[in-house]
Amino acid sequence: MCLAIPGKVLDTSEDHGVRSGRVEFGGIVRTVCLDFVPEAQAGDYVVVHVGFAISRVDREEAERTFEALEAMGVLEGELPPPDDGPTGGAA
């Protein structure tokens, strides 16, 4: 199963015209593409699917969703251990 998971944008950058950001998911940080949510800034919450942020959400909604996914036990397969590669093994 491949879910869209909410996370908090820690910082943003641009490289060769591609906007990306480091996003935290319950203590795990991944680099994700922010091109679909150009308005996203550090401190915002985004929903990420296969390495792409697809929408912004408010903090409360992000926390409720993350907690529900965690309680269902479905996050383990969706958030593998951190990858130190250039894309950070995006969620």
PDB file of N, CA and C in Angstrom:
ATOM      1  N   MET A   1       0.856  -1.175   0.000  1.00  0.00           N
ATOM      2  CA  MET A   1       0.000   0.000   0.000  1.00  0.00           C
ATOM      3  C   MET A   1       0.898   1.232   0.000  1.00  0.00           C
ATOM      4  N   CYS A   2       0.486   2.240  -0.685  1.00  0.00           N
ATOM      5  CA  CYS A   2       1.252   3.477  -0.727  1.00  0.00           C
ATOM      6  C   CYS A   2       0.328   4.618  -0.322  1.00  0.00           C
ATOM      7  N   LEU A   3       0.617   5.203   0.819  1.00  0.00           N
ATOM      8  CA  LEU A   3      -0.234   6.247   1.378  1.00  0.00           C
ATOM      9  C   LEU A   3       0.326   7.637   1.136  1.00  0.00           C
ATOM     10  N   ALA A   4      -0.528   8.618   1.295  1.00  0.00           N
ATOM     11  CA  ALA A   4      -0.085  10.008   1.364  1.00  0.00           C
ATOM     12  C   ALA A   4      -0.002  10.325   2.850  1.00  0.00           C
ATOM     13  N   ILE A   5       1.163  10.818   3.281  1.00  0.00           N
ATOM     14  CA  ILE A   5       1.429  10.998   4.698  1.00  0.00           C
ATOM     15  C   ILE A   5       1.730  12.473   4.980  1.00  0.00           C
ATOM     16  N   PRO A   6       1.131  13.034   6.046  1.00  0.00           N
ATOM     17  CA  PRO A   6       1.410  14.429   6.379  1.00  0.00           C
ATOM     18  C   PRO A   6       2.745  14.573   7.101  1.00  0.00           C
ATOM     19  N   GLY A   7       3.422  15.687   6.824  1.00  0.00           N
ATOM     20  CA  GLY A   7       4.677  15.982   7.492  1.00  0.00           C
ATOM     21  C   GLY A   7       4.908  17.479   7.542  1.00  0.00           C
ATOM     22  N   LYS A   8       5.880  17.870   8.349  1.00  0.00           N
ATOM     23  CA  LYS A   8       6.201  19.293   8.541  1.00  0.00           C
ATOM     24  C   LYS A   8       7.422  19.669   7.719  1.00  0.00           C
ATOM     25  N   VAL A   9       7.306  20.740   6.939  1.00  0.00           N
ATOM     26  CA  VAL A   9       8.421  21.242   6.136  1.00  0.00           C
ATOM     27  C   VAL A   9       9.422  21.917   7.074  1.00  0.00           C
ATOM     28  N   LEU A  10      10.662  21.414   7.068  1.00  0.00           N
ATOM     29  CA  LEU A  10      11.710  21.989   7.907  1.00  0.00           C
ATOM     30  C   LEU A  10      12.446  23.109   7.196  1.00  0.00           C
ATOM     31  N   ASP A  11      12.724  22.916   5.908  1.00  0.00           N
ATOM     32  CA  ASP A  11      13.375  23.948   5.112  1.00  0.00           C
ATOM     33  C   ASP A  11      13.138  23.651   3.638  1.00  0.00           C
ATOM     34  N   THR A  12      13.428  24.627   2.800  1.00  0.00           N
ATOM     35  CA  THR A  12      13.224  24.463   1.362  1.00  0.00           C
ATOM     36  C   THR A  12      14.492  24.863   0.613  1.00  0.00           C
ATOM     37  N   SER A  13      14.601  24.356  -0.612  1.00  0.00           N
ATOM     38  CA  SER A  13      15.734  24.714  -1.465  1.00  0.00           C
ATOM     39  C   SER A  13      15.320  24.517  -2.922  1.00  0.00           C
ATOM     40  N   GLU A  14      16.158  24.992  -3.825  1.00  0.00           N
ATOM     41  CA  GLU A  14      15.914  24.799  -5.250  1.00  0.00           C
ATOM     42  C   GLU A  14      17.221  24.388  -5.900  1.00  0.00           C
ATOM     43  N   ASP A  15      17.153  23.367  -6.751  1.00  0.00           N
ATOM     44  CA  ASP A  15      18.330  22.867  -7.432  1.00  0.00           C
ATOM     45  C   ASP A  15      17.952  22.533  -8.864  1.00  0.00           C
ATOM     46  N   HIS A  16      18.570  23.218  -9.818  1.00  0.00           N
ATOM     47  CA  HIS A  16      18.297  22.997 -11.247  1.00  0.00           C
ATOM     48  C   HIS A  16      16.809  23.158 -11.568  1.00  0.00           C
ATOM     49  N   GLY A  17      16.161  24.130 -10.949  1.00  0.00           N
ATOM     50  CA  GLY A  17      14.765  24.417 -11.229  1.00  0.00           C
ATOM     51  C   GLY A  17      13.763  23.532 -10.512  1.00  0.00           C
ATOM     52  N   VAL A  18      14.229  22.625  -9.666  1.00  0.00           N
ATOM     53  CA  VAL A  18      13.334  21.742  -8.906  1.00  0.00           C
ATOM     54  C   VAL A  18      13.332  22.201  -7.457  1.00  0.00           C
ATOM     55  N   ARG A  19      12.140  22.516  -6.960  1.00  0.00           N
ATOM     56  CA  ARG A  19      11.997  22.979  -5.576  1.00  0.00           C
ATOM     57  C   ARG A  19      11.787  21.772  -4.672  1.00  0.00           C
ATOM     58  N   SER A  20      12.570  21.689  -3.616  1.00  0.00           N
ATOM     59  CA  SER A  20      12.437  20.568  -2.690  1.00  0.00           C
ATOM     60  C   SER A  20      12.524  21.082  -1.268  1.00  0.00           C
ATOM     61  N   GLY A  21      12.240  20.200  -0.339  1.00  0.00           N
ATOM     62  CA  GLY A  21      12.318  20.558   1.067  1.00  0.00           C
ATOM     63  C   GLY A  21      12.548  19.337   1.911  1.00  0.00           C
ATOM     64  N   ARG A  22      13.132  19.568   3.074  1.00  0.00           N
ATOM     65  CA  ARG A  22      13.253  18.497   4.051  1.00  0.00           C
ATOM     66  C   ARG A  22      11.972  18.509   4.861  1.00  0.00           C
ATOM     67  N   VAL A  23      11.319  17.331   4.940  1.00  0.00           N
ATOM     68  CA  VAL A  23      10.026  17.210   5.610  1.00  0.00           C
ATOM     69  C   VAL A  23      10.150  16.145   6.698  1.00  0.00           C
ATOM     70  N   GLU A  24       9.622  16.459   7.886  1.00  0.00           N
ATOM     71  CA  GLU A  24       9.682  15.536   9.015  1.00  0.00           C
ATOM     72  C   GLU A  24       8.357  14.799   9.171  1.00  0.00           C
ATOM     73  N   PHE A  25       8.470  13.486   9.309  1.00  0.00           N
ATOM     74  CA  PHE A  25       7.319  12.603   9.521  1.00  0.00           C
ATOM     75  C   PHE A  25       7.546  11.862  10.830  1.00  0.00           C
ATOM     76  N   GLY A  26       7.036  12.374  11.939  1.00  0.00           N
ATOM     77  CA  GLY A  26       7.173  11.674  13.208  1.00  0.00           C
ATOM     78  C   GLY A  26       8.600  11.345  13.581  1.00  0.00           C
ATOM     79  N   GLY A  27       9.523  12.254  13.362  1.00  0.00           N
ATOM     80  CA  GLY A  27      10.913  12.049  13.717  1.00  0.00           C
ATOM     81  C   GLY A  27      11.792  11.572  12.573  1.00  0.00           C
ATOM     82  N   ILE A  28      11.199  11.159  11.473  1.00  0.00           N
ATOM     83  CA  ILE A  28      11.950  10.734  10.294  1.00  0.00           C
ATOM     84  C   ILE A  28      11.922  11.871   9.291  1.00  0.00           C
ATOM     85  N   VAL A  29      13.087  12.231   8.752  1.00  0.00           N
ATOM     86  CA  VAL A  29      13.180  13.352   7.821  1.00  0.00           C
ATOM     87  C   VAL A  29      13.508  12.834   6.427  1.00  0.00           C
ATOM     88  N   ARG A  30      12.764  13.315   5.453  1.00  0.00           N
ATOM     89  CA  ARG A  30      12.969  12.958   4.052  1.00  0.00           C
ATOM     90  C   ARG A  30      13.015  14.230   3.215  1.00  0.00           C
ATOM     91  N   THR A  31      13.717  14.159   2.101  1.00  0.00           N
ATOM     92  CA  THR A  31      13.690  15.246   1.132  1.00  0.00           C
ATOM     93  C   THR A  31      12.588  14.923   0.128  1.00  0.00           C
ATOM     94  N   VAL A  32      11.691  15.886  -0.101  1.00  0.00           N
ATOM     95  CA  VAL A  32      10.575  15.674  -1.016  1.00  0.00           C
ATOM     96  C   VAL A  32      10.496  16.821  -2.020  1.00  0.00           C
ATOM     97  N   CYS A  33       9.865  16.569  -3.135  1.00  0.00           N
ATOM     98  CA  CYS A  33       9.657  17.581  -4.163  1.00  0.00           C
ATOM     99  C   CYS A  33       8.490  18.474  -3.750  1.00  0.00           C
ATOM    100  N   LEU A  34       8.679  19.779  -3.825  1.00  0.00           N
ATOM    101  CA  LEU A  34       7.639  20.754  -3.463  1.00  0.00           C
ATOM    102  C   LEU A  34       7.056  21.474  -4.672  1.00  0.00           C
ATOM    103  N   ASP A  35       7.348  21.002  -5.874  1.00  0.00           N
ATOM    104  CA  ASP A  35       6.881  21.702  -7.074  1.00  0.00           C
ATOM    105  C   ASP A  35       5.361  21.800  -7.174  1.00  0.00           C
ATOM    106  N   PHE A  36       4.618  20.843  -6.617  1.00  0.00           N
ATOM    107  CA  PHE A  36       3.158  20.885  -6.703  1.00  0.00           C
ATOM    108  C   PHE A  36       2.533  21.806  -5.659  1.00  0.00           C
ATOM    109  N   VAL A  37       3.335  22.238  -4.679  1.00  0.00           N
ATOM    110  CA  VAL A  37       2.850  23.167  -3.647  1.00  0.00           C
ATOM    111  C   VAL A  37       3.865  24.305  -3.513  1.00  0.00           C
ATOM    112  N   PRO A  38       3.952  25.150  -4.535  1.00  0.00           N
ATOM    113  CA  PRO A  38       4.977  26.207  -4.537  1.00  0.00           C
ATOM    114  C   PRO A  38       4.845  27.190  -3.381  1.00  0.00           C
ATOM    115  N   GLU A  39       3.673  27.265  -2.772  1.00  0.00           N
ATOM    116  CA  GLU A  39       3.468  28.188  -1.655  1.00  0.00           C
ATOM    117  C   GLU A  39       3.981  27.629  -0.330  1.00  0.00           C
ATOM    118  N   ALA A  40       4.341  26.349  -0.270  1.00  0.00           N
ATOM    119  CA  ALA A  40       4.794  25.725   0.979  1.00  0.00           C
ATOM    120  C   ALA A  40       6.127  26.309   1.430  1.00  0.00           C
ATOM    121  N   GLN A  41       6.195  26.635   2.704  1.00  0.00           N
ATOM    122  CA  GLN A  41       7.390  27.220   3.316  1.00  0.00           C
ATOM    123  C   GLN A  41       7.743  26.445   4.581  1.00  0.00           C
ATOM    124  N   ALA A  42       8.925  26.696   5.115  1.00  0.00           N
ATOM    125  CA  ALA A  42       9.327  26.087   6.376  1.00  0.00           C
ATOM    126  C   ALA A  42       8.263  26.367   7.436  1.00  0.00           C
ATOM    127  N   GLY A  43       7.893  25.328   8.170  1.00  0.00           N
ATOM    128  CA  GLY A  43       6.862  25.450   9.200  1.00  0.00           C
ATOM    129  C   GLY A  43       5.493  25.000   8.739  1.00  0.00           C
ATOM    130  N   ASP A  44       5.273  24.928   7.424  1.00  0.00           N
ATOM    131  CA  ASP A  44       3.998  24.451   6.890  1.00  0.00           C
ATOM    132  C   ASP A  44       3.926  22.930   6.976  1.00  0.00           C
ATOM    133  N   TYR A  45       2.720  22.417   6.892  1.00  0.00           N
ATOM    134  CA  TYR A  45       2.491  20.976   6.847  1.00  0.00           C
ATOM    135  C   TYR A  45       1.994  20.621   5.459  1.00  0.00           C
ATOM    136  N   VAL A  46       2.528  19.525   4.919  1.00  0.00           N
ATOM    137  CA  VAL A  46       2.153  19.080   3.584  1.00  0.00           C
ATOM    138  C   VAL A  46       1.816  17.597   3.623  1.00  0.00           C
ATOM    139  N   VAL A  47       1.025  17.161   2.654  1.00  0.00           N
ATOM    140  CA  VAL A  47       0.724  15.745   2.482  1.00  0.00           C
ATOM    141  C   VAL A  47       1.620  15.249   1.357  1.00  0.00           C
ATOM    142  N   VAL A  48       2.369  14.171   1.623  1.00  0.00           N
ATOM    143  CA  VAL A  48       3.373  13.665   0.688  1.00  0.00           C
ATOM    144  C   VAL A  48       2.981  12.270   0.195  1.00  0.00           C
ATOM    145  N   HIS A  49       3.053  12.103  -1.119  1.00  0.00           N
ATOM    146  CA  HIS A  49       2.779  10.807  -1.757  1.00  0.00           C
ATOM    147  C   HIS A  49       3.928  10.509  -2.707  1.00  0.00           C
ATOM    148  N   VAL A  50       4.560   9.368  -2.539  1.00  0.00           N
ATOM    149  CA  VAL A  50       5.697   8.902  -3.339  1.00  0.00           C
ATOM    150  C   VAL A  50       6.731   9.992  -3.613  1.00  0.00           C
ATOM    151  N   GLY A  51       7.077  10.736  -2.564  1.00  0.00           N
ATOM    152  CA  GLY A  51       8.138  11.723  -2.682  1.00  0.00           C
ATOM    153  C   GLY A  51       7.725  13.095  -3.160  1.00  0.00           C
ATOM    154  N   PHE A  52       6.434  13.304  -3.412  1.00  0.00           N
ATOM    155  CA  PHE A  52       5.934  14.596  -3.878  1.00  0.00           C
ATOM    156  C   PHE A  52       4.923  15.154  -2.886  1.00  0.00           C
ATOM    157  N   ALA A  53       5.128  16.392  -2.442  1.00  0.00           N
ATOM    158  CA  ALA A  53       4.120  17.061  -1.628  1.00  0.00           C
ATOM    159  C   ALA A  53       2.968  17.407  -2.567  1.00  0.00           C
ATOM    160  N   ILE A  54       1.761  16.970  -2.204  1.00  0.00           N
ATOM    161  CA  ILE A  54       0.624  17.160  -3.109  1.00  0.00           C
ATOM    162  C   ILE A  54      -0.384  18.193  -2.608  1.00  0.00           C
ATOM    163  N   SER A  55      -0.298  18.563  -1.329  1.00  0.00           N
ATOM    164  CA  SER A  55      -1.174  19.616  -0.814  1.00  0.00           C
ATOM    165  C   SER A  55      -0.666  20.085   0.537  1.00  0.00           C
ATOM    166  N   ARG A  56      -1.132  21.266   0.931  1.00  0.00           N
ATOM    167  CA  ARG A  56      -0.856  21.776   2.272  1.00  0.00           C
ATOM    168  C   ARG A  56      -2.040  21.452   3.155  1.00  0.00           C
ATOM    169  N   VAL A  57      -1.771  21.242   4.447  1.00  0.00           N
ATOM    170  CA  VAL A  57      -2.827  21.034   5.437  1.00  0.00           C
ATOM    171  C   VAL A  57      -2.448  21.810   6.683  1.00  0.00           C
ATOM    172  N   ASP A  58      -3.429  22.068   7.544  1.00  0.00           N
ATOM    173  CA  ASP A  58      -3.095  22.753   8.788  1.00  0.00           C
ATOM    174  C   ASP A  58      -2.500  21.752   9.778  1.00  0.00           C
ATOM    175  N   ARG A  59      -1.844  22.274  10.788  1.00  0.00           N
ATOM    176  CA  ARG A  59      -1.129  21.439  11.764  1.00  0.00           C
ATOM    177  C   ARG A  59      -2.047  20.426  12.437  1.00  0.00           C
ATOM    178  N   GLU A  60      -3.232  20.861  12.842  1.00  0.00           N
ATOM    179  CA  GLU A  60      -4.151  19.968  13.545  1.00  0.00           C
ATOM    180  C   GLU A  60      -4.556  18.781  12.664  1.00  0.00           C
ATOM    181  N   GLU A  61      -4.877  19.057  11.408  1.00  0.00           N
ATOM    182  CA  GLU A  61      -5.265  17.979  10.491  1.00  0.00           C
ATOM    183  C   GLU A  61      -4.093  17.032  10.253  1.00  0.00           C
ATOM    184  N   ALA A  62      -2.891  17.592  10.083  1.00  0.00           N
ATOM    185  CA  ALA A  62      -1.702  16.758   9.878  1.00  0.00           C
ATOM    186  C   ALA A  62      -1.480  15.845  11.080  1.00  0.00           C
ATOM    187  N   GLU A  63      -1.583  16.387  12.274  1.00  0.00           N
ATOM    188  CA  GLU A  63      -1.367  15.581  13.479  1.00  0.00           C
ATOM    189  C   GLU A  63      -2.425  14.505  13.646  1.00  0.00           C
ATOM    190  N   ARG A  64      -3.698  14.843  13.406  1.00  0.00           N
ATOM    191  CA  ARG A  64      -4.780  13.840  13.506  1.00  0.00           C
ATOM    192  C   ARG A  64      -4.564  12.710  12.517  1.00  0.00           C
ATOM    193  N   THR A  65      -4.230  13.058  11.290  1.00  0.00           N
ATOM    194  CA  THR A  65      -4.030  12.046  10.255  1.00  0.00           C
ATOM    195  C   THR A  65      -2.838  11.157  10.580  1.00  0.00           C
ATOM    196  N   PHE A  66      -1.724  11.763  10.975  1.00  0.00           N
ATOM    197  CA  PHE A  66      -0.523  10.988  11.300  1.00  0.00           C
ATOM    198  C   PHE A  66      -0.806  10.035  12.460  1.00  0.00           C
ATOM    199  N   GLU A  67      -1.481  10.522  13.497  1.00  0.00           N
ATOM    200  CA  GLU A  67      -1.816   9.684  14.655  1.00  0.00           C
ATOM    201  C   GLU A  67      -2.730   8.535  14.259  1.00  0.00           C
ATOM    202  N   ALA A  68      -3.702   8.788  13.392  1.00  0.00           N
ATOM    203  CA  ALA A  68      -4.601   7.716  12.940  1.00  0.00           C
ATOM    204  C   ALA A  68      -3.836   6.661  12.145  1.00  0.00           C
ATOM    205  N   LEU A  69      -2.960   7.090  11.248  1.00  0.00           N
ATOM    206  CA  LEU A  69      -2.162   6.136  10.465  1.00  0.00           C
ATOM    207  C   LEU A  69      -1.244   5.330  11.373  1.00  0.00           C
ATOM    208  N   GLU A  70      -0.674   5.991  12.367  1.00  0.00           N
ATOM    209  CA  GLU A  70       0.207   5.316  13.316  1.00  0.00           C
ATOM    210  C   GLU A  70      -0.574   4.284  14.132  1.00  0.00           C
ATOM    211  N   ALA A  71      -1.772   4.659  14.592  1.00  0.00           N
ATOM    212  CA  ALA A  71      -2.601   3.749  15.382  1.00  0.00           C
ATOM    213  C   ALA A  71      -3.028   2.523  14.571  1.00  0.00           C
ATOM    214  N   MET A  72      -3.221   2.700  13.271  1.00  0.00           N
ATOM    215  CA  MET A  72      -3.593   1.579  12.403  1.00  0.00           C
ATOM    216  C   MET A  72      -2.401   0.694  12.071  1.00  0.00           C
ATOM    217  N   GLY A  73      -1.196   1.172  12.404  1.00  0.00           N
ATOM    218  CA  GLY A  73       0.001   0.393  12.156  1.00  0.00           C
ATOM    219  C   GLY A  73       0.438   0.343  10.711  1.00  0.00           C
ATOM    220  N   VAL A  74       0.058   1.329   9.924  1.00  0.00           N
ATOM    221  CA  VAL A  74       0.390   1.307   8.496  1.00  0.00           C
ATOM    222  C   VAL A  74       1.606   2.155   8.135  1.00  0.00           C
ATOM    223  N   LEU A  75       2.171   2.866   9.094  1.00  0.00           N
ATOM    224  CA  LEU A  75       3.302   3.737   8.774  1.00  0.00           C
ATOM    225  C   LEU A  75       4.612   2.974   8.635  1.00  0.00           C
ATOM    226  N   GLU A  76       4.741   1.845   9.306  1.00  0.00           N
ATOM    227  CA  GLU A  76       6.002   1.121   9.293  1.00  0.00           C
ATOM    228  C   GLU A  76       6.507   0.837   7.884  1.00  0.00           C
ATOM    229  N   GLY A  77       5.657   0.361   7.011  1.00  0.00           N
ATOM    230  CA  GLY A  77       6.064   0.075   5.641  1.00  0.00           C
ATOM    231  C   GLY A  77       6.158   1.298   4.755  1.00  0.00           C
ATOM    232  N   GLU A  78       5.557   2.384   5.181  1.00  0.00           N
ATOM    233  CA  GLU A  78       5.549   3.607   4.379  1.00  0.00           C
ATOM    234  C   GLU A  78       6.745   4.500   4.657  1.00  0.00           C
ATOM    235  N   LEU A  79       7.324   4.403   5.840  1.00  0.00           N
ATOM    236  CA  LEU A  79       8.456   5.239   6.219  1.00  0.00           C
ATOM    237  C   LEU A  79       9.644   4.351   6.576  1.00  0.00           C
ATOM    238  N   PRO A  80      10.377   3.889   5.557  1.00  0.00           N
ATOM    239  CA  PRO A  80      11.543   3.055   5.822  1.00  0.00           C
ATOM    240  C   PRO A  80      12.631   3.855   6.524  1.00  0.00           C
ATOM    241  N   PRO A  81      13.664   3.173   7.033  1.00  0.00           N
ATOM    242  CA  PRO A  81      14.747   3.898   7.716  1.00  0.00           C
ATOM    243  C   PRO A  81      15.324   4.991   6.840  1.00  0.00           C
ATOM    244  N   PRO A  82      15.855   6.057   7.457  1.00  0.00           N
ATOM    245  CA  PRO A  82      16.418   7.175   6.688  1.00  0.00           C
ATOM    246  C   PRO A  82      17.456   6.731   5.675  1.00  0.00           C
ATOM    247  N   ASP A  83      17.460   7.417   4.552  1.00  0.00           N
ATOM    248  CA  ASP A  83      18.400   7.185   3.470  1.00  0.00           C
ATOM    249  C   ASP A  83      19.201   8.461   3.314  1.00  0.00           C
ATOM    250  N   ASP A  84      20.524   8.357   3.331  1.00  0.00           N
ATOM    251  CA  ASP A  84      21.348   9.548   3.252  1.00  0.00           C
ATOM    252  C   ASP A  84      21.638   9.995   1.820  1.00  0.00           C
ATOM    253  N   GLY A  85      20.968   9.388   0.833  1.00  0.00           N
ATOM    254  CA  GLY A  85      21.196   9.741  -0.564  1.00  0.00           C
ATOM    255  C   GLY A  85      20.673  11.119  -0.893  1.00  0.00           C
ATOM    256  N   PRO A  86      20.861  11.572  -2.133  1.00  0.00           N
ATOM    257  CA  PRO A  86      20.472  12.923  -2.526  1.00  0.00           C
ATOM    258  C   PRO A  86      18.982  13.204  -2.405  1.00  0.00           C
ATOM    259  N   THR A  87      18.122  12.183  -2.526  1.00  0.00           N
ATOM    260  CA  THR A  87      16.692  12.433  -2.376  1.00  0.00           C
ATOM    261  C   THR A  87      16.212  12.075  -0.987  1.00  0.00           C
ATOM    262  N   GLY A  88      17.082  11.509  -0.156  1.00  0.00           N
ATOM    263  CA  GLY A  88      16.703  11.192   1.205  1.00  0.00           C
ATOM    264  C   GLY A  88      15.681  10.079   1.296  1.00  0.00           C
ATOM    265  N   GLY A  89      15.500   9.270   0.242  1.00  0.00           N
ATOM    266  CA  GLY A  89      14.535   8.181   0.286  1.00  0.00           C
ATOM    267  C   GLY A  89      13.135   8.674   0.530  1.00  0.00           C
ATOM    268  N   ALA A  90      12.690   9.646  -0.194  1.00  0.00           N
ATOM    269  CA  ALA A  90      11.417  10.345   0.018  1.00  0.00           C
ATOM    270  C   ALA A  90      10.269   9.401   0.289  1.00  0.00           C
ATOM    271  N   ALA A  91       9.352   9.859   1.160  1.00  0.00           N
ATOM    272  CA  ALA A  91       8.191   9.063   1.559  1.00  0.00           C
ATOM    273  C   ALA A  91       7.229   8.876   0.412  1.00  0.00           C
TER     274      ALA A  91
END
